[in-house]
């Protein structure tokens, strides 16, 4: 009887513990920036259309699937002064390539500029459309005054954005996008846990990062999570909460929800 009771108590303790408490990863001190490094991802976006606002019955759905290749092409000098790493991102099925330019300083990995952002599914209140967004920097517009070089189509951020605060460690939090007019949008990022992500018999010790949209009604209902290891971005999931969709100003689609998952397929260092 005592052995049985101890066994039951042990099980109760095991399943009551948060799964992150049983994982203890080392800090991630850096992000891969070696020229030639390549990541291959699958991107699956699922749109569900519900019969009514009750969201009880799915009456239609659609799926978009892309294979995305991200590669560090070379070191590049921008503005004649800024040495950055050029990341190319290509959605193979769309035959579309974008560039993002990053550098690392004492704070962490920062986004300096981009050109020709990749097409990505984006959802906002009352519409379902395509927006030009970056693989590594999704879920936001750039309405603030930007500097654009027409010849090279480079778009420079007013201030470099802190994509990842290094080293990555539990409970770390930082501001990715500072508040600016007219949208008064602020995006923070916070490490909320640790998880082991298994892909093709390979385990990646990942820090799970949540994107936090501060006091902005336009982005209500958007949840973005990243899983980052010392090998880079391993997984991203973006969930757009159910809202009323329309294909245009007059054509009503109904209540819909989009879930997008980007998952690493393989990498080459």
C-alpha atoms as a PDB file:
ATOM      1  CA  UNK A   1       0.000   0.000   0.000  1.00  0.00           C
ATOM      2  CA  UNK A   2       2.804   2.417   0.899  1.00  0.00           C
ATOM      3  CA  UNK A   3       4.671   1.606  -2.323  1.00  0.00           C
ATOM      4  CA  UNK A   4       1.508   2.208  -4.348  1.00  0.00           C
ATOM      5  CA  UNK A   5       0.904   5.546  -2.601  1.00  0.00           C
ATOM      6  CA  UNK A   6       4.493   6.662  -3.206  1.00  0.00           C
ATOM      7  CA  UNK A   7       4.176   5.679  -6.881  1.00  0.00           C
ATOM      8  CA  UNK A   8       0.973   7.708  -7.268  1.00  0.00           C
ATOM      9  CA  UNK A   9       2.535  10.714  -5.525  1.00  0.00           C
ATOM     10  CA  UNK A  10       5.570  10.456  -7.796  1.00  0.00           C
ATOM     11  CA  UNK A  11       3.369  10.486 -10.887  1.00  0.00           C
ATOM     12  CA  UNK A  12       1.399  13.431  -9.549  1.00  0.00           C
ATOM     13  CA  UNK A  13       4.612  15.364  -8.968  1.00  0.00           C
ATOM     14  CA  UNK A  14       5.949  14.465 -12.408  1.00  0.00           C
ATOM     15  CA  UNK A  15       2.883  15.669 -14.306  1.00  0.00           C
ATOM     16  CA  UNK A  16       2.349  18.742 -12.151  1.00  0.00           C
ATOM     17  CA  UNK A  17       5.784  20.139 -12.992  1.00  0.00           C
ATOM     18  CA  UNK A  18       5.994  22.566 -15.856  1.00  0.00           C
ATOM     19  CA  UNK A  19       7.834  20.940 -18.734  1.00  0.00           C
ATOM     20  CA  UNK A  20      10.261  23.860 -18.965  1.00  0.00           C
ATOM     21  CA  UNK A  21      11.372  23.306 -15.367  1.00  0.00           C
ATOM     22  CA  UNK A  22      12.778  19.911 -16.308  1.00  0.00           C
ATOM     23  CA  UNK A  23      15.005  21.381 -19.019  1.00  0.00           C
ATOM     24  CA  UNK A  24      18.202  23.240 -18.352  1.00  0.00           C
ATOM     25  CA  UNK A  25      19.938  24.514 -21.477  1.00  0.00           C
ATOM     26  CA  UNK A  26      23.069  26.571 -21.648  1.00  0.00           C
ATOM     27  CA  UNK A  27      22.753  30.184 -22.757  1.00  0.00           C
ATOM     28  CA  UNK A  28      22.964  30.759 -26.493  1.00  0.00           C
ATOM     29  CA  UNK A  29      25.790  33.210 -26.929  1.00  0.00           C
ATOM     30  CA  UNK A  30      25.631  33.816 -30.683  1.00  0.00           C
ATOM     31  CA  UNK A  31      23.614  33.422 -33.880  1.00  0.00           C
ATOM     32  CA  UNK A  32      25.059  31.736 -37.000  1.00  0.00           C
ATOM     33  CA  UNK A  33      26.598  34.345 -39.315  1.00  0.00           C
ATOM     34  CA  UNK A  34      29.094  32.282 -41.319  1.00  0.00           C
ATOM     35  CA  UNK A  35      28.957  32.913 -45.051  1.00  0.00           C
ATOM     36  CA  UNK A  36      27.485  29.945 -46.883  1.00  0.00           C
ATOM     37  CA  UNK A  37      25.262  28.807 -44.008  1.00  0.00           C
ATOM     38  CA  UNK A  38      21.944  27.604 -45.412  1.00  0.00           C
ATOM     39  CA  UNK A  39      18.582  26.730 -43.861  1.00  0.00           C
ATOM     40  CA  UNK A  40      15.721  24.996 -45.685  1.00  0.00           C
ATOM     41  CA  UNK A  41      12.202  25.427 -44.281  1.00  0.00           C
ATOM     42  CA  UNK A  42       8.697  24.267 -45.019  1.00  0.00           C
ATOM     43  CA  UNK A  43       5.996  26.903 -44.595  1.00  0.00           C
ATOM     44  CA  UNK A  44       2.411  25.712 -44.167  1.00  0.00           C
ATOM     45  CA  UNK A  45      -0.442  28.228 -43.788  1.00  0.00           C
ATOM     46  CA  UNK A  46      -3.909  26.898 -43.032  1.00  0.00           C
ATOM     47  CA  UNK A  47      -7.004  29.103 -43.404  1.00  0.00           C
ATOM     48  CA  UNK A  48     -10.210  27.869 -41.789  1.00  0.00           C
ATOM     49  CA  UNK A  49     -13.570  29.486 -42.594  1.00  0.00           C
ATOM     50  CA  UNK A  50     -16.305  28.999 -40.001  1.00  0.00           C
ATOM     51  CA  UNK A  51     -20.057  28.875 -40.521  1.00  0.00           C
ATOM     52  CA  UNK A  52     -20.669  31.661 -38.023  1.00  0.00           C
ATOM     53  CA  UNK A  53     -19.092  33.696 -35.257  1.00  0.00           C
ATOM     54  CA  UNK A  54     -19.665  30.762 -32.902  1.00  0.00           C
ATOM     55  CA  UNK A  55     -16.715  29.033 -34.647  1.00  0.00           C
ATOM     56  CA  UNK A  56     -18.309  25.636 -34.073  1.00  0.00           C
ATOM     57  CA  UNK A  57     -18.372  24.377 -37.660  1.00  0.00           C
ATOM     58  CA  UNK A  58     -15.674  24.671 -40.326  1.00  0.00           C
ATOM     59  CA  UNK A  59     -17.267  25.078 -43.767  1.00  0.00           C
ATOM     60  CA  UNK A  60     -14.154  25.669 -45.862  1.00  0.00           C
ATOM     61  CA  UNK A  61     -10.409  25.707 -45.600  1.00  0.00           C
ATOM     62  CA  UNK A  62      -7.373  26.405 -47.741  1.00  0.00           C
ATOM     63  CA  UNK A  63      -3.703  25.551 -47.418  1.00  0.00           C
ATOM     64  CA  UNK A  64      -0.645  27.350 -48.769  1.00  0.00           C
ATOM     65  CA  UNK A  65       2.622  25.402 -48.795  1.00  0.00           C
ATOM     66  CA  UNK A  66       6.015  26.869 -49.614  1.00  0.00           C
ATOM     67  CA  UNK A  67       9.590  25.665 -49.441  1.00  0.00           C
ATOM     68  CA  UNK A  68      11.821  28.490 -48.262  1.00  0.00           C
ATOM     69  CA  UNK A  69      15.586  28.590 -48.552  1.00  0.00           C
ATOM     70  CA  UNK A  70      17.542  31.046 -46.404  1.00  0.00           C
ATOM     71  CA  UNK A  71      21.257  31.499 -47.075  1.00  0.00           C
ATOM     72  CA  UNK A  72      23.978  33.809 -45.807  1.00  0.00           C
ATOM     73  CA  UNK A  73      25.363  35.016 -49.110  1.00  0.00           C
ATOM     74  CA  UNK A  74      28.195  37.375 -48.244  1.00  0.00           C
ATOM     75  CA  UNK A  75      29.512  40.301 -46.247  1.00  0.00           C
ATOM     76  CA  UNK A  76      28.128  43.559 -47.649  1.00  0.00           C
ATOM     77  CA  UNK A  77      28.968  47.209 -47.069  1.00  0.00           C
ATOM     78  CA  UNK A  78      25.867  49.434 -46.912  1.00  0.00           C
ATOM     79  CA  UNK A  79      25.834  53.245 -46.741  1.00  0.00           C
ATOM     80  CA  UNK A  80      29.596  53.017 -47.341  1.00  0.00           C
ATOM     81  CA  UNK A  81      30.054  52.522 -43.605  1.00  0.00           C
ATOM     82  CA  UNK A  82      27.988  49.586 -42.305  1.00  0.00           C
ATOM     83  CA  UNK A  83      29.364  46.064 -42.688  1.00  0.00           C
ATOM     84  CA  UNK A  84      26.486  43.585 -42.592  1.00  0.00           C
ATOM     85  CA  UNK A  85      25.669  39.966 -43.389  1.00  0.00           C
ATOM     86  CA  UNK A  86      23.423  39.491 -46.409  1.00  0.00           C
ATOM     87  CA  UNK A  87      20.720  36.857 -45.841  1.00  0.00           C
ATOM     88  CA  UNK A  88      18.793  35.769 -48.937  1.00  0.00           C
ATOM     89  CA  UNK A  89      15.332  34.256 -48.528  1.00  0.00           C
ATOM     90  CA  UNK A  90      13.736  32.470 -51.477  1.00  0.00           C
ATOM     91  CA  UNK A  91      10.253  30.995 -51.680  1.00  0.00           C
ATOM     92  CA  UNK A  92      10.888  28.402 -54.363  1.00  0.00           C
ATOM     93  CA  UNK A  93       7.303  27.955 -55.577  1.00  0.00           C
ATOM     94  CA  UNK A  94       6.835  31.717 -55.909  1.00  0.00           C
ATOM     95  CA  UNK A  95      10.233  32.218 -57.571  1.00  0.00           C
ATOM     96  CA  UNK A  96      10.729  35.257 -55.378  1.00  0.00           C
ATOM     97  CA  UNK A  97      13.870  36.256 -53.487  1.00  0.00           C
ATOM     98  CA  UNK A  98      14.352  38.865 -50.769  1.00  0.00           C
ATOM     99  CA  UNK A  99      17.377  40.092 -48.874  1.00  0.00           C
ATOM    100  CA  UNK A 100      17.817  41.028 -45.244  1.00  0.00           C
ATOM    101  CA  UNK A 101      20.907  42.618 -43.772  1.00  0.00           C
ATOM    102  CA  UNK A 102      22.002  41.851 -40.210  1.00  0.00           C
ATOM    103  CA  UNK A 103      24.897  42.654 -37.941  1.00  0.00           C
ATOM    104  CA  UNK A 104      25.889  41.664 -34.426  1.00  0.00           C
ATOM    105  CA  UNK A 105      26.988  44.102 -31.726  1.00  0.00           C
ATOM    106  CA  UNK A 106      27.238  44.013 -27.933  1.00  0.00           C
ATOM    107  CA  UNK A 107      23.427  43.817 -27.604  1.00  0.00           C
ATOM    108  CA  UNK A 108      22.776  41.025 -30.088  1.00  0.00           C
ATOM    109  CA  UNK A 109      21.585  40.336 -33.637  1.00  0.00           C
ATOM    110  CA  UNK A 110      20.188  43.461 -35.287  1.00  0.00           C
ATOM    111  CA  UNK A 111      18.275  44.050 -38.531  1.00  0.00           C
ATOM    112  CA  UNK A 112      19.733  46.973 -40.480  1.00  0.00           C
ATOM    113  CA  UNK A 113      17.941  46.907 -43.842  1.00  0.00           C
ATOM    114  CA  UNK A 114      16.044  44.749 -46.313  1.00  0.00           C
ATOM    115  CA  UNK A 115      15.158  44.618 -49.997  1.00  0.00           C
ATOM    116  CA  UNK A 116      12.304  42.938 -51.861  1.00  0.00           C
ATOM    117  CA  UNK A 117      10.706  41.281 -48.835  1.00  0.00           C
ATOM    118  CA  UNK A 118       9.195  37.869 -49.459  1.00  0.00           C
ATOM    119  CA  UNK A 119       5.469  37.418 -50.004  1.00  0.00           C
ATOM    120  CA  UNK A 120       3.807  36.189 -46.852  1.00  0.00           C
ATOM    121  CA  UNK A 121       0.237  35.583 -45.815  1.00  0.00           C
ATOM    122  CA  UNK A 122      -0.921  38.394 -43.585  1.00  0.00           C
ATOM    123  CA  UNK A 123      -4.198  38.887 -41.806  1.00  0.00           C
ATOM    124  CA  UNK A 124      -5.656  42.125 -40.500  1.00  0.00           C
ATOM    125  CA  UNK A 125      -9.100  43.073 -39.297  1.00  0.00           C
ATOM    126  CA  UNK A 126     -11.730  42.530 -42.025  1.00  0.00           C
ATOM    127  CA  UNK A 127      -9.370  41.352 -44.724  1.00  0.00           C
ATOM    128  CA  UNK A 128      -7.266  38.456 -45.910  1.00  0.00           C
ATOM    129  CA  UNK A 129      -4.489  39.425 -48.252  1.00  0.00           C
ATOM    130  CA  UNK A 130      -0.835  39.133 -49.150  1.00  0.00           C
ATOM    131  CA  UNK A 131       1.698  41.533 -47.720  1.00  0.00           C
ATOM    132  CA  UNK A 132       5.381  41.870 -48.430  1.00  0.00           C
ATOM    133  CA  UNK A 133       7.029  40.699 -45.234  1.00  0.00           C
ATOM    134  CA  UNK A 134      10.352  39.239 -44.167  1.00  0.00           C
ATOM    135  CA  UNK A 135      10.824  35.636 -43.078  1.00  0.00           C
ATOM    136  CA  UNK A 136      12.828  36.695 -40.046  1.00  0.00           C
ATOM    137  CA  UNK A 137      10.755  39.826 -39.378  1.00  0.00           C
ATOM    138  CA  UNK A 138       7.064  39.055 -39.935  1.00  0.00           C
ATOM    139  CA  UNK A 139       3.893  40.604 -38.622  1.00  0.00           C
ATOM    140  CA  UNK A 140       4.440  44.341 -39.005  1.00  0.00           C
ATOM    141  CA  UNK A 141       4.198  47.204 -41.444  1.00  0.00           C
ATOM    142  CA  UNK A 142       6.833  49.874 -42.007  1.00  0.00           C
ATOM    143  CA  UNK A 143       4.818  53.117 -42.163  1.00  0.00           C
ATOM    144  CA  UNK A 144       7.523  55.126 -40.404  1.00  0.00           C
ATOM    145  CA  UNK A 145       9.802  57.253 -42.605  1.00  0.00           C
ATOM    146  CA  UNK A 146      12.390  54.946 -44.139  1.00  0.00           C
ATOM    147  CA  UNK A 147      15.410  55.689 -46.273  1.00  0.00           C
ATOM    148  CA  UNK A 148      15.113  53.968 -49.650  1.00  0.00           C
ATOM    149  CA  UNK A 149      17.818  53.597 -52.285  1.00  0.00           C
ATOM    150  CA  UNK A 150      15.913  53.278 -55.548  1.00  0.00           C
ATOM    151  CA  UNK A 151      18.860  51.797 -57.448  1.00  0.00           C
ATOM    152  CA  UNK A 152      19.388  48.855 -55.103  1.00  0.00           C
ATOM    153  CA  UNK A 153      15.899  48.795 -53.556  1.00  0.00           C
ATOM    154  CA  UNK A 154      17.393  48.804 -50.085  1.00  0.00           C
ATOM    155  CA  UNK A 155      15.093  49.911 -47.281  1.00  0.00           C
ATOM    156  CA  UNK A 156      16.873  51.083 -44.148  1.00  0.00           C
ATOM    157  CA  UNK A 157      15.251  51.061 -40.741  1.00  0.00           C
ATOM    158  CA  UNK A 158      15.315  54.445 -38.943  1.00  0.00           C
ATOM    159  CA  UNK A 159      17.057  52.575 -36.123  1.00  0.00           C
ATOM    160  CA  UNK A 160      18.458  49.029 -36.268  1.00  0.00           C
ATOM    161  CA  UNK A 161      16.002  46.584 -34.735  1.00  0.00           C
ATOM    162  CA  UNK A 162      17.183  44.226 -32.016  1.00  0.00           C
ATOM    163  CA  UNK A 163      16.019  40.939 -33.522  1.00  0.00           C
ATOM    164  CA  UNK A 164      17.619  38.775 -30.815  1.00  0.00           C
ATOM    165  CA  UNK A 165      19.117  39.938 -27.543  1.00  0.00           C
ATOM    166  CA  UNK A 166      22.208  37.850 -26.890  1.00  0.00           C
ATOM    167  CA  UNK A 167      22.922  35.771 -24.978  1.00  0.00           C
ATOM    168  CA  UNK A 168      19.534  34.059 -25.045  1.00  0.00           C
ATOM    169  CA  UNK A 169      18.489  33.020 -21.553  1.00  0.00           C
ATOM    170  CA  UNK A 170      15.299  32.359 -19.630  1.00  0.00           C
ATOM    171  CA  UNK A 171      13.137  35.357 -18.671  1.00  0.00           C
ATOM    172  CA  UNK A 172      15.049  37.711 -20.981  1.00  0.00           C
ATOM    173  CA  UNK A 173      12.893  40.443 -22.534  1.00  0.00           C
ATOM    174  CA  UNK A 174      13.649  43.276 -24.942  1.00  0.00           C
ATOM    175  CA  UNK A 175      12.035  45.784 -27.305  1.00  0.00           C
ATOM    176  CA  UNK A 176      12.192  44.843 -30.979  1.00  0.00           C
ATOM    177  CA  UNK A 177      10.236  47.787 -32.439  1.00  0.00           C
ATOM    178  CA  UNK A 178       9.988  51.080 -30.567  1.00  0.00           C
ATOM    179  CA  UNK A 179       6.788  53.107 -30.474  1.00  0.00           C
ATOM    180  CA  UNK A 180       6.374  55.441 -33.431  1.00  0.00           C
ATOM    181  CA  UNK A 181       3.606  57.424 -35.129  1.00  0.00           C
ATOM    182  CA  UNK A 182       1.107  57.053 -36.686  1.00  0.00           C
ATOM    183  CA  UNK A 183       0.437  53.511 -35.469  1.00  0.00           C
ATOM    184  CA  UNK A 184       2.138  53.845 -32.088  1.00  0.00           C
ATOM    185  CA  UNK A 185       3.282  50.281 -32.476  1.00  0.00           C
ATOM    186  CA  UNK A 186       5.684  48.673 -30.047  1.00  0.00           C
ATOM    187  CA  UNK A 187       6.789  45.058 -30.306  1.00  0.00           C
ATOM    188  CA  UNK A 188       8.605  43.367 -27.452  1.00  0.00           C
ATOM    189  CA  UNK A 189      10.047  39.870 -27.403  1.00  0.00           C
ATOM    190  CA  UNK A 190      10.281  37.627 -24.369  1.00  0.00           C
ATOM    191  CA  UNK A 191      11.813  34.206 -23.772  1.00  0.00           C
ATOM    192  CA  UNK A 192       9.058  32.172 -22.144  1.00  0.00           C
ATOM    193  CA  UNK A 193      10.619  28.731 -21.964  1.00  0.00           C
ATOM    194  CA  UNK A 194      12.885  26.021 -23.311  1.00  0.00           C
ATOM    195  CA  UNK A 195      11.919  23.115 -25.528  1.00  0.00           C
ATOM    196  CA  UNK A 196      13.603  20.283 -27.396  1.00  0.00           C
ATOM    197  CA  UNK A 197      12.459  20.333 -31.031  1.00  0.00           C
ATOM    198  CA  UNK A 198      13.103  17.068 -32.903  1.00  0.00           C
ATOM    199  CA  UNK A 199      13.464  17.143 -36.694  1.00  0.00           C
ATOM    200  CA  UNK A 200      14.658  14.209 -38.817  1.00  0.00           C
ATOM    201  CA  UNK A 201      16.100  12.386 -35.794  1.00  0.00           C
ATOM    202  CA  UNK A 202      17.996  15.499 -34.723  1.00  0.00           C
ATOM    203  CA  UNK A 203      17.208  17.276 -31.457  1.00  0.00           C
ATOM    204  CA  UNK A 204      17.593  21.043 -31.115  1.00  0.00           C
ATOM    205  CA  UNK A 205      17.691  22.707 -27.705  1.00  0.00           C
ATOM    206  CA  UNK A 206      15.558  25.791 -28.301  1.00  0.00           C
ATOM    207  CA  UNK A 207      14.583  28.915 -26.443  1.00  0.00           C
ATOM    208  CA  UNK A 208      10.923  29.718 -27.102  1.00  0.00           C
ATOM    209  CA  UNK A 209      10.324  33.413 -27.806  1.00  0.00           C
ATOM    210  CA  UNK A 210       6.958  35.175 -27.774  1.00  0.00           C
ATOM    211  CA  UNK A 211       6.275  38.345 -29.760  1.00  0.00           C
ATOM    212  CA  UNK A 212       4.330  40.881 -27.703  1.00  0.00           C
ATOM    213  CA  UNK A 213       2.358  43.646 -29.431  1.00  0.00           C
ATOM    214  CA  UNK A 214       1.995  46.507 -26.958  1.00  0.00           C
ATOM    215  CA  UNK A 215      -1.328  48.387 -26.759  1.00  0.00           C
ATOM    216  CA  UNK A 216      -2.171  48.223 -30.453  1.00  0.00           C
ATOM    217  CA  UNK A 217      -5.718  47.333 -31.448  1.00  0.00           C
ATOM    218  CA  UNK A 218      -4.745  46.686 -35.059  1.00  0.00           C
ATOM    219  CA  UNK A 219      -2.675  43.660 -34.058  1.00  0.00           C
ATOM    220  CA  UNK A 220      -5.116  42.219 -31.520  1.00  0.00           C
ATOM    221  CA  UNK A 221      -5.323  38.452 -31.833  1.00  0.00           C
ATOM    222  CA  UNK A 222      -1.940  37.884 -33.456  1.00  0.00           C
ATOM    223  CA  UNK A 223       0.361  35.465 -31.647  1.00  0.00           C
ATOM    224  CA  UNK A 224       3.865  34.697 -32.910  1.00  0.00           C
ATOM    225  CA  UNK A 225       6.307  32.244 -31.337  1.00  0.00           C
ATOM    226  CA  UNK A 226       9.894  31.464 -32.377  1.00  0.00           C
ATOM    227  CA  UNK A 227      12.051  28.513 -31.405  1.00  0.00           C
ATOM    228  CA  UNK A 228      15.740  29.481 -31.592  1.00  0.00           C
ATOM    229  CA  UNK A 229      18.736  27.187 -31.091  1.00  0.00           C
ATOM    230  CA  UNK A 230      22.467  27.746 -31.554  1.00  0.00           C
ATOM    231  CA  UNK A 231      21.825  26.628 -35.146  1.00  0.00           C
ATOM    232  CA  UNK A 232      19.409  29.493 -35.818  1.00  0.00           C
ATOM    233  CA  UNK A 233      15.641  29.688 -36.305  1.00  0.00           C
ATOM    234  CA  UNK A 234      14.261  26.157 -35.991  1.00  0.00           C
ATOM    235  CA  UNK A 235      10.529  26.835 -35.958  1.00  0.00           C
ATOM    236  CA  UNK A 236       8.007  29.665 -36.026  1.00  0.00           C
ATOM    237  CA  UNK A 237       4.272  29.577 -35.470  1.00  0.00           C
ATOM    238  CA  UNK A 238       1.968  32.514 -36.151  1.00  0.00           C
ATOM    239  CA  UNK A 239      -1.662  32.283 -35.084  1.00  0.00           C
ATOM    240  CA  UNK A 240      -4.175  34.857 -36.246  1.00  0.00           C
ATOM    241  CA  UNK A 241      -7.269  34.692 -34.065  1.00  0.00           C
ATOM    242  CA  UNK A 242     -10.700  34.254 -35.732  1.00  0.00           C
ATOM    243  CA  UNK A 243     -12.007  37.449 -37.263  1.00  0.00           C
ATOM    244  CA  UNK A 244     -14.352  38.549 -40.048  1.00  0.00           C
ATOM    245  CA  UNK A 245     -12.736  38.090 -43.456  1.00  0.00           C
ATOM    246  CA  UNK A 246     -13.495  39.682 -46.780  1.00  0.00           C
ATOM    247  CA  UNK A 247     -11.850  39.277 -50.181  1.00  0.00           C
ATOM    248  CA  UNK A 248     -12.468  42.930 -50.999  1.00  0.00           C
ATOM    249  CA  UNK A 249     -14.503  45.897 -49.878  1.00  0.00           C
ATOM    250  CA  UNK A 250     -17.833  44.167 -50.528  1.00  0.00           C
ATOM    251  CA  UNK A 251     -17.223  40.406 -50.872  1.00  0.00           C
ATOM    252  CA  UNK A 252     -17.700  38.838 -47.443  1.00  0.00           C
ATOM    253  CA  UNK A 253     -15.949  35.512 -46.847  1.00  0.00           C
ATOM    254  CA  UNK A 254     -16.935  34.843 -43.251  1.00  0.00           C
ATOM    255  CA  UNK A 255     -15.206  34.214 -39.960  1.00  0.00           C
ATOM    256  CA  UNK A 256     -11.774  32.731 -40.434  1.00  0.00           C
ATOM    257  CA  UNK A 257      -8.606  31.755 -38.636  1.00  0.00           C
ATOM    258  CA  UNK A 258      -5.085  31.384 -40.025  1.00  0.00           C
ATOM    259  CA  UNK A 259      -2.313  29.292 -38.517  1.00  0.00           C
ATOM    260  CA  UNK A 260       1.087  29.436 -40.159  1.00  0.00           C
ATOM    261  CA  UNK A 261       3.932  27.118 -39.203  1.00  0.00           C
ATOM    262  CA  UNK A 262       7.477  27.409 -40.516  1.00  0.00           C
ATOM    263  CA  UNK A 263       9.659  24.412 -39.686  1.00  0.00           C
ATOM    264  CA  UNK A 264      13.292  23.648 -40.436  1.00  0.00           C
ATOM    265  CA  UNK A 265      13.776  20.754 -42.885  1.00  0.00           C
ATOM    266  CA  UNK A 266      17.569  20.677 -43.025  1.00  0.00           C
ATOM    267  CA  UNK A 267      20.570  22.953 -42.709  1.00  0.00           C
ATOM    268  CA  UNK A 268      24.096  23.208 -44.045  1.00  0.00           C
ATOM    269  CA  UNK A 269      26.911  24.901 -42.132  1.00  0.00           C
END
